[in-house]
């Protein structure tokens, strides 16, 4: 029995020596992938925020020049410099009145 338990201990030790580095590697790999995903999410949120601010700035510029907010997003695009990637983002522009700031929402397309 002593030799069998000695062999079993050697096998378990060898398994531990090979499995421990593999588990550590997998943990680091998972943390790296998780970090990349968080960075991508943050970048997308910043892009959406920048697009909304760009549209709002153009709408305020229109109000300052023309005395009214733009009647539509299309009007704003034609007359003021806005560069929004419409393949990647959907813009929702809702006007209540010409003297009230429109509701501007930018969402990422799926």
PDB file of N, CA and C in Angstrom:
ATOM      1  N   UNK A   1       0.811  -1.191   0.000  1.00  0.00           N
ATOM      2  CA  UNK A   1       0.000   0.000   0.000  1.00  0.00           C
ATOM      3  C   UNK A   1       0.859   1.263   0.000  1.00  0.00           C
ATOM      4  N   UNK A   2       2.003   1.153   0.600  1.00  0.00           N
ATOM      5  CA  UNK A   2       2.863   2.298   0.702  1.00  0.00           C
ATOM      6  C   UNK A   2       3.342   2.754  -0.675  1.00  0.00           C
ATOM      7  N   UNK A   3       3.700   1.798  -1.528  1.00  0.00           N
ATOM      8  CA  UNK A   3       4.157   2.161  -2.871  1.00  0.00           C
ATOM      9  C   UNK A   3       3.015   2.718  -3.710  1.00  0.00           C
ATOM     10  N   UNK A   4       1.810   2.190  -3.520  1.00  0.00           N
ATOM     11  CA  UNK A   4       0.651   2.710  -4.266  1.00  0.00           C
ATOM     12  C   UNK A   4       0.328   4.129  -3.844  1.00  0.00           C
ATOM     13  N   UNK A   5       0.354   4.408  -2.569  1.00  0.00           N
ATOM     14  CA  UNK A   5       0.050   5.765  -2.131  1.00  0.00           C
ATOM     15  C   UNK A   5       1.184   6.706  -2.527  1.00  0.00           C
ATOM     16  N   UNK A   6       2.405   6.211  -2.595  1.00  0.00           N
ATOM     17  CA  UNK A   6       3.531   7.014  -3.054  1.00  0.00           C
ATOM     18  C   UNK A   6       3.362   7.377  -4.531  1.00  0.00           C
ATOM     19  N   UNK A   7       2.943   6.404  -5.342  1.00  0.00           N
ATOM     20  CA  UNK A   7       2.687   6.664  -6.767  1.00  0.00           C
ATOM     21  C   UNK A   7       1.541   7.660  -6.934  1.00  0.00           C
ATOM     22  N   UNK A   8       0.503   7.490  -6.140  1.00  0.00           N
ATOM     23  CA  UNK A   8      -0.647   8.388  -6.203  1.00  0.00           C
ATOM     24  C   UNK A   8      -0.236   9.805  -5.823  1.00  0.00           C
ATOM     25  N   UNK A   9       0.597   9.954  -4.826  1.00  0.00           N
ATOM     26  CA  UNK A   9       1.084  11.275  -4.413  1.00  0.00           C
ATOM     27  C   UNK A   9       1.916  11.918  -5.525  1.00  0.00           C
ATOM     28  N   UNK A  10       2.754  11.104  -6.187  1.00  0.00           N
ATOM     29  CA  UNK A  10       3.565  11.638  -7.282  1.00  0.00           C
ATOM     30  C   UNK A  10       2.670  12.110  -8.427  1.00  0.00           C
ATOM     31  N   UNK A  11       1.651  11.319  -8.742  1.00  0.00           N
ATOM     32  CA  UNK A  11       0.720  11.685  -9.820  1.00  0.00           C
ATOM     33  C   UNK A  11      -0.024  12.976  -9.460  1.00  0.00           C
ATOM     34  N   UNK A  12      -0.509  13.048  -8.240  1.00  0.00           N
ATOM     35  CA  UNK A  12      -1.224  14.258  -7.800  1.00  0.00           C
ATOM     36  C   UNK A  12      -0.313  15.482  -7.803  1.00  0.00           C
ATOM     37  N   UNK A  13       0.931  15.290  -7.400  1.00  0.00           N
ATOM     38  CA  UNK A  13       1.891  16.396  -7.409  1.00  0.00           C
ATOM     39  C   UNK A  13       2.145  16.871  -8.836  1.00  0.00           C
ATOM     40  N   UNK A  14       2.328  15.929  -9.756  1.00  0.00           N
ATOM     41  CA  UNK A  14       2.548  16.304 -11.155  1.00  0.00           C
ATOM     42  C   UNK A  14       1.329  17.020 -11.738  1.00  0.00           C
ATOM     43  N   UNK A  15       0.153  16.499 -11.437  1.00  0.00           N
ATOM     44  CA  UNK A  15      -1.068  17.164 -11.913  1.00  0.00           C
ATOM     45  C   UNK A  15      -1.160  18.581 -11.367  1.00  0.00           C
ATOM     46  N   UNK A  16      -0.877  18.746 -10.098  1.00  0.00           N
ATOM     47  CA  UNK A  16      -0.926  20.062  -9.472  1.00  0.00           C
ATOM     48  C   UNK A  16       0.071  21.014 -10.129  1.00  0.00           C
ATOM     49  N   UNK A  17       1.266  20.485 -10.443  1.00  0.00           N
ATOM     50  CA  UNK A  17       2.299  21.320 -11.067  1.00  0.00           C
ATOM     51  C   UNK A  17       1.879  21.800 -12.457  1.00  0.00           C
ATOM     52  N   UNK A  18       1.112  20.995 -13.185  1.00  0.00           N
ATOM     53  CA  UNK A  18       0.697  21.380 -14.533  1.00  0.00           C
ATOM     54  C   UNK A  18      -0.620  22.153 -14.531  1.00  0.00           C
ATOM     55  N   UNK A  19      -1.493  21.826 -13.611  1.00  0.00           N
ATOM     56  CA  UNK A  19      -2.812  22.471 -13.603  1.00  0.00           C
ATOM     57  C   UNK A  19      -2.748  23.883 -13.015  1.00  0.00           C
ATOM     58  N   UNK A  20      -1.929  24.078 -12.002  1.00  0.00           N
ATOM     59  CA  UNK A  20      -1.831  25.394 -11.366  1.00  0.00           C
ATOM     60  C   UNK A  20      -1.448  26.493 -12.364  1.00  0.00           C
ATOM     61  N   UNK A  21      -0.385  26.331 -13.177  1.00  0.00           N
ATOM     62  CA  UNK A  21      -0.057  27.383 -14.162  1.00  0.00           C
ATOM     63  C   UNK A  21      -1.174  27.579 -15.202  1.00  0.00           C
ATOM     64  N   UNK A  22      -1.832  26.495 -15.578  1.00  0.00           N
ATOM     65  CA  UNK A  22      -2.908  26.622 -16.561  1.00  0.00           C
ATOM     66  C   UNK A  22      -4.066  27.425 -15.990  1.00  0.00           C
ATOM     67  N   UNK A  23      -4.397  27.186 -14.746  1.00  0.00           N
ATOM     68  CA  UNK A  23      -5.484  27.935 -14.111  1.00  0.00           C
ATOM     69  C   UNK A  23      -5.104  29.402 -13.961  1.00  0.00           C
ATOM     70  N   UNK A  24      -3.876  29.667 -13.566  1.00  0.00           N
ATOM     71  CA  UNK A  24      -3.417  31.057 -13.436  1.00  0.00           C
ATOM     72  C   UNK A  24      -3.451  31.745 -14.798  1.00  0.00           C
ATOM     73  N   UNK A  25      -3.005  31.059 -15.835  1.00  0.00           N
ATOM     74  CA  UNK A  25      -3.042  31.630 -17.184  1.00  0.00           C
ATOM     75  C   UNK A  25      -4.477  31.944 -17.600  1.00  0.00           C
ATOM     76  N   UNK A  26      -5.388  31.007 -17.361  1.00  0.00           N
ATOM     77  CA  UNK A  26      -6.792  31.235 -17.725  1.00  0.00           C
ATOM     78  C   UNK A  26      -7.392  32.411 -16.954  1.00  0.00           C
ATOM     79  N   UNK A  27      -7.041  32.538 -15.688  1.00  0.00           N
ATOM     80  CA  UNK A  27      -7.542  33.674 -14.904  1.00  0.00           C
ATOM     81  C   UNK A  27      -7.039  35.002 -15.472  1.00  0.00           C
ATOM     82  N   UNK A  28      -5.754  35.060 -15.803  1.00  0.00           N
ATOM     83  CA  UNK A  28      -5.216  36.285 -16.406  1.00  0.00           C
ATOM     84  C   UNK A  28      -5.865  36.564 -17.763  1.00  0.00           C
ATOM     85  N   UNK A  29      -6.104  35.544 -18.546  1.00  0.00           N
ATOM     86  CA  UNK A  29      -6.748  35.714 -19.839  1.00  0.00           C
ATOM     87  C   UNK A  29      -8.168  36.252 -19.671  1.00  0.00           C
ATOM     88  N   UNK A  30      -8.909  35.702 -18.729  1.00  0.00           N
ATOM     89  CA  UNK A  30     -10.268  36.180 -18.465  1.00  0.00           C
ATOM     90  C   UNK A  30     -10.270  37.625 -17.983  1.00  0.00           C
ATOM     91  N   UNK A  31      -9.328  37.980 -17.127  1.00  0.00           N
ATOM     92  CA  UNK A  31      -9.244  39.369 -16.654  1.00  0.00           C
ATOM     93  C   UNK A  31      -8.898  40.310 -17.801  1.00  0.00           C
ATOM     94  N   UNK A  32      -8.037  39.882 -18.708  1.00  0.00           N
ATOM     95  CA  UNK A  32      -7.662  40.700 -19.861  1.00  0.00           C
ATOM     96  C   UNK A  32      -8.872  40.926 -20.771  1.00  0.00           C
ATOM     97  N   UNK A  33      -9.611  39.877 -21.060  1.00  0.00           N
ATOM     98  CA  UNK A  33     -10.806  39.989 -21.911  1.00  0.00           C
ATOM     99  C   UNK A  33     -11.849  40.877 -21.247  1.00  0.00           C
ATOM    100  N   UNK A  34     -12.042  40.707 -19.952  1.00  0.00           N
ATOM    101  CA  UNK A  34     -12.989  41.534 -19.209  1.00  0.00           C
ATOM    102  C   UNK A  34     -12.585  43.010 -19.278  1.00  0.00           C
ATOM    103  N   UNK A  35     -11.297  43.307 -19.147  1.00  0.00           N
ATOM    104  CA  UNK A  35     -10.805  44.680 -19.235  1.00  0.00           C
ATOM    105  C   UNK A  35     -11.057  45.292 -20.605  1.00  0.00           C
ATOM    106  N   UNK A  36     -10.867  44.507 -21.646  1.00  0.00           N
ATOM    107  CA  UNK A  36     -11.121  44.996 -23.003  1.00  0.00           C
ATOM    108  C   UNK A  36     -12.607  45.322 -23.184  1.00  0.00           C
ATOM    109  N   UNK A  37     -13.469  44.473 -22.665  1.00  0.00           N
ATOM    110  CA  UNK A  37     -14.905  44.714 -22.795  1.00  0.00           C
ATOM    111  C   UNK A  37     -15.312  45.981 -22.056  1.00  0.00           C
ATOM    112  N   UNK A  38     -14.798  46.200 -20.871  1.00  0.00           N
ATOM    113  CA  UNK A  38     -15.122  47.410 -20.117  1.00  0.00           C
ATOM    114  C   UNK A  38     -14.635  48.650 -20.866  1.00  0.00           C
ATOM    115  N   UNK A  39     -13.445  48.573 -21.440  1.00  0.00           N
ATOM    116  CA  UNK A  39     -12.905  49.698 -22.207  1.00  0.00           C
ATOM    117  C   UNK A  39     -13.772  49.988 -23.425  1.00  0.00           C
ATOM    118  N   UNK A  40     -14.220  48.950 -24.126  1.00  0.00           N
ATOM    119  CA  UNK A  40     -15.075  49.151 -25.290  1.00  0.00           C
ATOM    120  C   UNK A  40     -16.402  49.780 -24.904  1.00  0.00           C
ATOM    121  N   UNK A  41     -16.999  49.334 -23.808  1.00  0.00           N
ATOM    122  CA  UNK A  41     -18.267  49.910 -23.347  1.00  0.00           C
ATOM    123  C   UNK A  41     -18.092  51.381 -23.012  1.00  0.00           C
ATOM    124  N   UNK A  42     -17.024  51.714 -22.333  1.00  0.00           N
ATOM    125  CA  UNK A  42     -16.752  53.098 -21.965  1.00  0.00           C
ATOM    126  C   UNK A  42     -16.553  53.962 -23.205  1.00  0.00           C
ATOM    127  N   UNK A  43     -15.833  53.430 -24.173  1.00  0.00           N
ATOM    128  CA  UNK A  43     -15.584  54.160 -25.420  1.00  0.00           C
ATOM    129  C   UNK A  43     -16.881  54.418 -26.175  1.00  0.00           C
ATOM    130  N   UNK A  44     -17.771  53.422 -26.224  1.00  0.00           N
ATOM    131  CA  UNK A  44     -19.053  53.600 -26.907  1.00  0.00           C
ATOM    132  C   UNK A  44     -19.894  54.672 -26.221  1.00  0.00           C
ATOM    133  N   UNK A  45     -19.915  54.668 -24.903  1.00  0.00           N
ATOM    134  CA  UNK A  45     -20.675  55.682 -24.160  1.00  0.00           C
ATOM    135  C   UNK A  45     -20.134  57.075 -24.425  1.00  0.00           C
ATOM    136  N   UNK A  46     -18.816  57.205 -24.473  1.00  0.00           N
ATOM    137  CA  UNK A  46     -18.207  58.501 -24.760  1.00  0.00           C
ATOM    138  C   UNK A  46     -18.529  58.955 -26.184  1.00  0.00           C
ATOM    139  N   UNK A  47     -18.515  58.043 -27.142  1.00  0.00           N
ATOM    140  CA  UNK A  47     -18.857  58.388 -28.525  1.00  0.00           C
ATOM    141  C   UNK A  47     -20.294  58.877 -28.630  1.00  0.00           C
ATOM    142  N   UNK A  48     -21.203  58.200 -27.955  1.00  0.00           N
ATOM    143  CA  UNK A  48     -22.614  58.604 -27.981  1.00  0.00           C
ATOM    144  C   UNK A  48     -22.780  59.970 -27.333  1.00  0.00           C
ATOM    145  N   UNK A  49     -22.129  60.183 -26.206  1.00  0.00           N
ATOM    146  CA  UNK A  49     -22.203  61.469 -25.524  1.00  0.00           C
ATOM    147  C   UNK A  49     -21.646  62.593 -26.397  1.00  0.00           C
ATOM    148  N   UNK A  50     -20.536  62.335 -27.070  1.00  0.00           N
ATOM    149  CA  UNK A  50     -19.940  63.339 -27.960  1.00  0.00           C
ATOM    150  C   UNK A  50     -20.875  63.655 -29.126  1.00  0.00           C
ATOM    151  N   UNK A  51     -21.539  62.637 -29.664  1.00  0.00           N
ATOM    152  CA  UNK A  51     -22.480  62.866 -30.768  1.00  0.00           C
ATOM    153  C   UNK A  51     -23.659  63.718 -30.305  1.00  0.00           C
ATOM    154  N   UNK A  52     -24.205  63.414 -29.134  1.00  0.00           N
ATOM    155  CA  UNK A  52     -25.319  64.208 -28.600  1.00  0.00           C
ATOM    156  C   UNK A  52     -24.894  65.651 -28.363  1.00  0.00           C
ATOM    157  N   UNK A  53     -23.713  65.846 -27.795  1.00  0.00           N
ATOM    158  CA  UNK A  53     -23.224  67.205 -27.539  1.00  0.00           C
ATOM    159  C   UNK A  53     -23.000  67.965 -28.834  1.00  0.00           C
ATOM    160  N   UNK A  54     -22.530  67.275 -29.861  1.00  0.00           N
ATOM    161  CA  UNK A  54     -22.315  67.910 -31.160  1.00  0.00           C
ATOM    162  C   UNK A  54     -23.637  68.399 -31.753  1.00  0.00           C
ATOM    163  N   UNK A  55     -24.656  67.566 -31.665  1.00  0.00           N
ATOM    164  CA  UNK A  55     -25.967  67.942 -32.196  1.00  0.00           C
ATOM    165  C   UNK A  55     -26.558  69.085 -31.377  1.00  0.00           C
ATOM    166  N   UNK A  56     -26.435  69.018 -30.048  1.00  0.00           N
ATOM    167  CA  UNK A  56     -26.942  70.090 -29.187  1.00  0.00           C
ATOM    168  C   UNK A  56     -26.239  71.407 -29.482  1.00  0.00           C
ATOM    169  N   UNK A  57     -24.935  71.355 -29.676  1.00  0.00           N
ATOM    170  CA  UNK A  57     -24.172  72.569 -29.982  1.00  0.00           C
ATOM    171  C   UNK A  57     -24.629  73.175 -31.307  1.00  0.00           C
ATOM    172  N   UNK A  58     -24.860  72.337 -32.305  1.00  0.00           N
ATOM    173  CA  UNK A  58     -25.339  72.833 -33.592  1.00  0.00           C
ATOM    174  C   UNK A  58     -26.742  73.426 -33.448  1.00  0.00           C
ATOM    175  N   UNK A  59     -27.593  72.811 -32.623  1.00  0.00           N
ATOM    176  CA  UNK A  59     -28.949  73.335 -32.412  1.00  0.00           C
ATOM    177  C   UNK A  59     -28.897  74.690 -31.716  1.00  0.00           C
ATOM    178  N   UNK A  60     -28.025  74.835 -30.735  1.00  0.00           N
ATOM    179  CA  UNK A  60     -27.879  76.122 -30.032  1.00  0.00           C
ATOM    180  C   UNK A  60     -27.311  77.175 -30.975  1.00  0.00           C
ATOM    181  N   UNK A  61     -26.377  76.781 -31.811  1.00  0.00           N
ATOM    182  CA  UNK A  61     -25.835  77.716 -32.809  1.00  0.00           C
ATOM    183  C   UNK A  61     -26.945  78.184 -33.746  1.00  0.00           C
ATOM    184  N   UNK A  62     -27.771  77.259 -34.183  1.00  0.00           N
ATOM    185  CA  UNK A  62     -28.905  77.609 -35.040  1.00  0.00           C
ATOM    186  C   UNK A  62     -29.827  78.592 -34.321  1.00  0.00           C
ATOM    187  N   UNK A  63     -30.093  78.344 -33.054  1.00  0.00           N
ATOM    188  CA  UNK A  63     -30.975  79.230 -32.277  1.00  0.00           C
ATOM    189  C   UNK A  63     -30.365  80.632 -32.159  1.00  0.00           C
ATOM    190  N   UNK A  64     -29.040  80.681 -31.965  1.00  0.00           N
ATOM    191  CA  UNK A  64     -28.366  81.975 -31.840  1.00  0.00           C
ATOM    192  C   UNK A  64     -28.386  82.743 -33.156  1.00  0.00           C
ATOM    193  N   UNK A  65     -28.252  82.051 -34.259  1.00  0.00           N
ATOM    194  CA  UNK A  65     -28.206  82.712 -35.570  1.00  0.00           C
ATOM    195  C   UNK A  65     -29.605  83.027 -36.096  1.00  0.00           C
ATOM    196  N   UNK A  66     -30.515  82.052 -36.024  1.00  0.00           N
ATOM    197  CA  UNK A  66     -31.824  82.185 -36.656  1.00  0.00           C
ATOM    198  C   UNK A  66     -32.940  82.586 -35.691  1.00  0.00           C
ATOM    199  N   UNK A  67     -32.681  82.506 -34.392  1.00  0.00           N
ATOM    200  CA  UNK A  67     -33.715  82.865 -33.416  1.00  0.00           C
ATOM    201  C   UNK A  67     -34.718  81.751 -33.154  1.00  0.00           C
ATOM    202  N   UNK A  68     -34.443  80.568 -33.629  1.00  0.00           N
ATOM    203  CA  UNK A  68     -35.314  79.404 -33.393  1.00  0.00           C
ATOM    204  C   UNK A  68     -34.453  78.155 -33.489  1.00  0.00           C
ATOM    205  N   UNK A  69     -34.931  77.110 -32.831  1.00  0.00           N
ATOM    206  CA  UNK A  69     -34.224  75.839 -32.929  1.00  0.00           C
ATOM    207  C   UNK A  69     -34.575  75.182 -34.260  1.00  0.00           C
ATOM    208  N   UNK A  70     -33.707  74.346 -34.777  1.00  0.00           N
ATOM    209  CA  UNK A  70     -33.968  73.707 -36.080  1.00  0.00           C
ATOM    210  C   UNK A  70     -35.252  72.864 -36.025  1.00  0.00           C
ATOM    211  N   UNK A  71     -36.050  72.915 -37.085  1.00  0.00           N
ATOM    212  CA  UNK A  71     -37.304  72.159 -37.095  1.00  0.00           C
ATOM    213  C   UNK A  71     -37.111  70.640 -37.207  1.00  0.00           C
ATOM    214  N   UNK A  72     -35.950  70.211 -37.701  1.00  0.00           N
ATOM    215  CA  UNK A  72     -35.707  68.776 -37.848  1.00  0.00           C
ATOM    216  C   UNK A  72     -34.206  68.510 -37.838  1.00  0.00           C
ATOM    217  N   UNK A  73     -33.883  67.249 -37.636  1.00  0.00           N
ATOM    218  CA  UNK A  73     -32.484  66.843 -37.667  1.00  0.00           C
ATOM    219  C   UNK A  73     -31.913  66.998 -39.078  1.00  0.00           C
ATOM    220  N   UNK A  74     -32.725  66.717 -40.083  1.00  0.00           N
ATOM    221  CA  UNK A  74     -32.280  66.870 -41.485  1.00  0.00           C
ATOM    222  C   UNK A  74     -31.901  68.321 -41.780  1.00  0.00           C
ATOM    223  N   UNK A  75     -32.721  69.261 -41.301  1.00  0.00           N
ATOM    224  CA  UNK A  75     -32.426  70.680 -41.480  1.00  0.00           C
ATOM    225  C   UNK A  75     -31.098  71.020 -40.808  1.00  0.00           C
ATOM    226  N   UNK A  76     -30.912  70.490 -39.635  1.00  0.00           N
ATOM    227  CA  UNK A  76     -29.680  70.739 -38.885  1.00  0.00           C
ATOM    228  C   UNK A  76     -28.467  70.189 -39.634  1.00  0.00           C
ATOM    229  N   UNK A  77     -28.586  68.983 -40.180  1.00  0.00           N
ATOM    230  CA  UNK A  77     -27.476  68.381 -40.928  1.00  0.00           C
ATOM    231  C   UNK A  77     -27.148  69.181 -42.188  1.00  0.00           C
ATOM    232  N   UNK A  78     -28.165  69.696 -42.858  1.00  0.00           N
ATOM    233  CA  UNK A  78     -27.945  70.417 -44.115  1.00  0.00           C
ATOM    234  C   UNK A  78     -27.313  71.788 -43.898  1.00  0.00           C
ATOM    235  N   UNK A  79     -27.633  72.430 -42.769  1.00  0.00           N
ATOM    236  CA  UNK A  79     -27.224  73.821 -42.589  1.00  0.00           C
ATOM    237  C   UNK A  79     -26.121  74.058 -41.566  1.00  0.00           C
ATOM    238  N   UNK A  80     -25.794  73.059 -40.787  1.00  0.00           N
ATOM    239  CA  UNK A  80     -24.770  73.218 -39.755  1.00  0.00           C
ATOM    240  C   UNK A  80     -23.849  72.008 -39.762  1.00  0.00           C
ATOM    241  N   UNK A  81     -22.568  72.227 -39.433  1.00  0.00           N
ATOM    242  CA  UNK A  81     -21.593  71.121 -39.539  1.00  0.00           C
ATOM    243  C   UNK A  81     -21.777  70.066 -38.439  1.00  0.00           C
ATOM    244  N   UNK A  82     -22.363  68.945 -38.819  1.00  0.00           N
ATOM    245  CA  UNK A  82     -22.500  67.797 -37.921  1.00  0.00           C
ATOM    246  C   UNK A  82     -21.969  66.581 -38.669  1.00  0.00           C
ATOM    247  N   UNK A  83     -21.151  65.823 -37.995  1.00  0.00           N
ATOM    248  CA  UNK A  83     -20.618  64.610 -38.603  1.00  0.00           C
ATOM    249  C   UNK A  83     -20.900  63.424 -37.691  1.00  0.00           C
ATOM    250  N   UNK A  84     -22.076  62.826 -37.859  1.00  0.00           N
ATOM    251  CA  UNK A  84     -22.497  61.674 -37.070  1.00  0.00           C
ATOM    252  C   UNK A  84     -22.527  60.459 -38.004  1.00  0.00           C
ATOM    253  N   UNK A  85     -21.940  59.377 -37.572  1.00  0.00           N
ATOM    254  CA  UNK A  85     -21.935  58.144 -38.362  1.00  0.00           C
ATOM    255  C   UNK A  85     -23.332  57.513 -38.271  1.00  0.00           C
ATOM    256  N   UNK A  86     -24.155  57.744 -39.288  1.00  0.00           N
ATOM    257  CA  UNK A  86     -25.533  57.240 -39.259  1.00  0.00           C
ATOM    258  C   UNK A  86     -25.614  55.739 -39.504  1.00  0.00           C
ATOM    259  N   UNK A  87     -24.528  55.131 -39.954  1.00  0.00           N
ATOM    260  CA  UNK A  87     -24.509  53.668 -40.066  1.00  0.00           C
ATOM    261  C   UNK A  87     -24.364  53.027 -38.686  1.00  0.00           C
ATOM    262  N   UNK A  88     -23.724  53.731 -37.777  1.00  0.00           N
ATOM    263  CA  UNK A  88     -23.452  53.203 -36.441  1.00  0.00           C
ATOM    264  C   UNK A  88     -24.442  53.710 -35.388  1.00  0.00           C
ATOM    265  N   UNK A  89     -24.960  54.932 -35.578  1.00  0.00           N
ATOM    266  CA  UNK A  89     -25.821  55.556 -34.573  1.00  0.00           C
ATOM    267  C   UNK A  89     -27.160  55.980 -35.170  1.00  0.00           C
ATOM    268  N   UNK A  90     -28.194  55.892 -34.355  1.00  0.00           N
ATOM    269  CA  UNK A  90     -29.518  56.385 -34.722  1.00  0.00           C
ATOM    270  C   UNK A  90     -29.771  57.649 -33.909  1.00  0.00           C
ATOM    271  N   UNK A  91     -30.230  58.703 -34.586  1.00  0.00           N
ATOM    272  CA  UNK A  91     -30.481  59.977 -33.923  1.00  0.00           C
ATOM    273  C   UNK A  91     -31.987  60.203 -33.852  1.00  0.00           C
ATOM    274  N   UNK A  92     -32.462  60.485 -32.641  1.00  0.00           N
ATOM    275  CA  UNK A  92     -33.869  60.813 -32.428  1.00  0.00           C
ATOM    276  C   UNK A  92     -33.933  62.276 -32.016  1.00  0.00           C
ATOM    277  N   UNK A  93     -34.631  63.066 -32.826  1.00  0.00           N
ATOM    278  CA  UNK A  93     -34.689  64.516 -32.655  1.00  0.00           C
ATOM    279  C   UNK A  93     -36.155  64.902 -32.555  1.00  0.00           C
ATOM    280  N   UNK A  94     -36.564  65.337 -31.375  1.00  0.00           N
ATOM    281  CA  UNK A  94     -37.972  65.642 -31.146  1.00  0.00           C
ATOM    282  C   UNK A  94     -38.139  67.116 -30.792  1.00  0.00           C
ATOM    283  N   UNK A  95     -38.937  67.825 -31.601  1.00  0.00           N
ATOM    284  CA  UNK A  95     -39.161  69.252 -31.411  1.00  0.00           C
ATOM    285  C   UNK A  95     -40.531  69.473 -30.769  1.00  0.00           C
ATOM    286  N   UNK A  96     -40.548  70.285 -29.716  1.00  0.00           N
ATOM    287  CA  UNK A  96     -41.814  70.643 -29.071  1.00  0.00           C
ATOM    288  C   UNK A  96     -42.278  72.011 -29.573  1.00  0.00           C
ATOM    289  N   UNK A  97     -41.382  72.971 -29.573  1.00  0.00           N
ATOM    290  CA  UNK A  97     -41.671  74.320 -30.075  1.00  0.00           C
ATOM    291  C   UNK A  97     -40.366  74.923 -30.573  1.00  0.00           C
ATOM    292  N   UNK A  98     -40.466  75.943 -31.409  1.00  0.00           N
ATOM    293  CA  UNK A  98     -39.262  76.512 -32.021  1.00  0.00           C
ATOM    294  C   UNK A  98     -38.385  77.264 -31.021  1.00  0.00           C
ATOM    295  N   UNK A  99     -38.932  77.612 -29.853  1.00  0.00           N
ATOM    296  CA  UNK A  99     -38.144  78.333 -28.858  1.00  0.00           C
ATOM    297  C   UNK A  99     -37.736  77.458 -27.661  1.00  0.00           C
ATOM    298  N   UNK A 100     -37.988  76.166 -27.748  1.00  0.00           N
ATOM    299  CA  UNK A 100     -37.615  75.226 -26.689  1.00  0.00           C
ATOM    300  C   UNK A 100     -36.622  74.223 -27.269  1.00  0.00           C
ATOM    301  N   UNK A 101     -35.564  74.001 -26.492  1.00  0.00           N
ATOM    302  CA  UNK A 101     -34.506  73.080 -26.947  1.00  0.00           C
ATOM    303  C   UNK A 101     -35.114  71.711 -27.263  1.00  0.00           C
ATOM    304  N   UNK A 102     -34.841  71.193 -28.451  1.00  0.00           N
ATOM    305  CA  UNK A 102     -35.374  69.865 -28.813  1.00  0.00           C
ATOM    306  C   UNK A 102     -34.767  68.749 -27.958  1.00  0.00           C
ATOM    307  N   UNK A 103     -35.499  67.668 -27.863  1.00  0.00           N
ATOM    308  CA  UNK A 103     -35.002  66.476 -27.168  1.00  0.00           C
ATOM    309  C   UNK A 103     -34.160  65.690 -28.160  1.00  0.00           C
ATOM    310  N   UNK A 104     -32.892  65.497 -27.830  1.00  0.00           N
ATOM    311  CA  UNK A 104     -31.946  64.836 -28.733  1.00  0.00           C
ATOM    312  C   UNK A 104     -31.445  63.558 -28.056  1.00  0.00           C
ATOM    313  N   UNK A 105     -31.625  62.439 -28.722  1.00  0.00           N
ATOM    314  CA  UNK A 105     -31.152  61.155 -28.210  1.00  0.00           C
ATOM    315  C   UNK A 105     -30.383  60.439 -29.301  1.00  0.00           C
ATOM    316  N   UNK A 106     -29.222  59.942 -28.960  1.00  0.00           N
ATOM    317  CA  UNK A 106     -28.411  59.159 -29.898  1.00  0.00           C
ATOM    318  C   UNK A 106     -28.256  57.762 -29.309  1.00  0.00           C
ATOM    319  N   UNK A 107     -28.587  56.766 -30.121  1.00  0.00           N
ATOM    320  CA  UNK A 107     -28.461  55.375 -29.691  1.00  0.00           C
ATOM    321  C   UNK A 107     -27.612  54.602 -30.690  1.00  0.00           C
ATOM    322  N   UNK A 108     -26.920  53.609 -30.190  1.00  0.00           N
ATOM    323  CA  UNK A 108     -26.097  52.763 -31.060  1.00  0.00           C
ATOM    324  C   UNK A 108     -27.002  51.745 -31.752  1.00  0.00           C
ATOM    325  N   UNK A 109     -26.818  51.599 -33.060  1.00  0.00           N
ATOM    326  CA  UNK A 109     -27.582  50.605 -33.802  1.00  0.00           C
ATOM    327  C   UNK A 109     -27.027  49.223 -33.506  1.00  0.00           C
ATOM    328  N   UNK A 110     -27.903  48.231 -33.525  1.00  0.00           N
ATOM    329  CA  UNK A 110     -27.476  46.853 -33.239  1.00  0.00           C
ATOM    330  C   UNK A 110     -27.077  46.152 -34.510  1.00  0.00           C
TER     331      UNK A 110
END
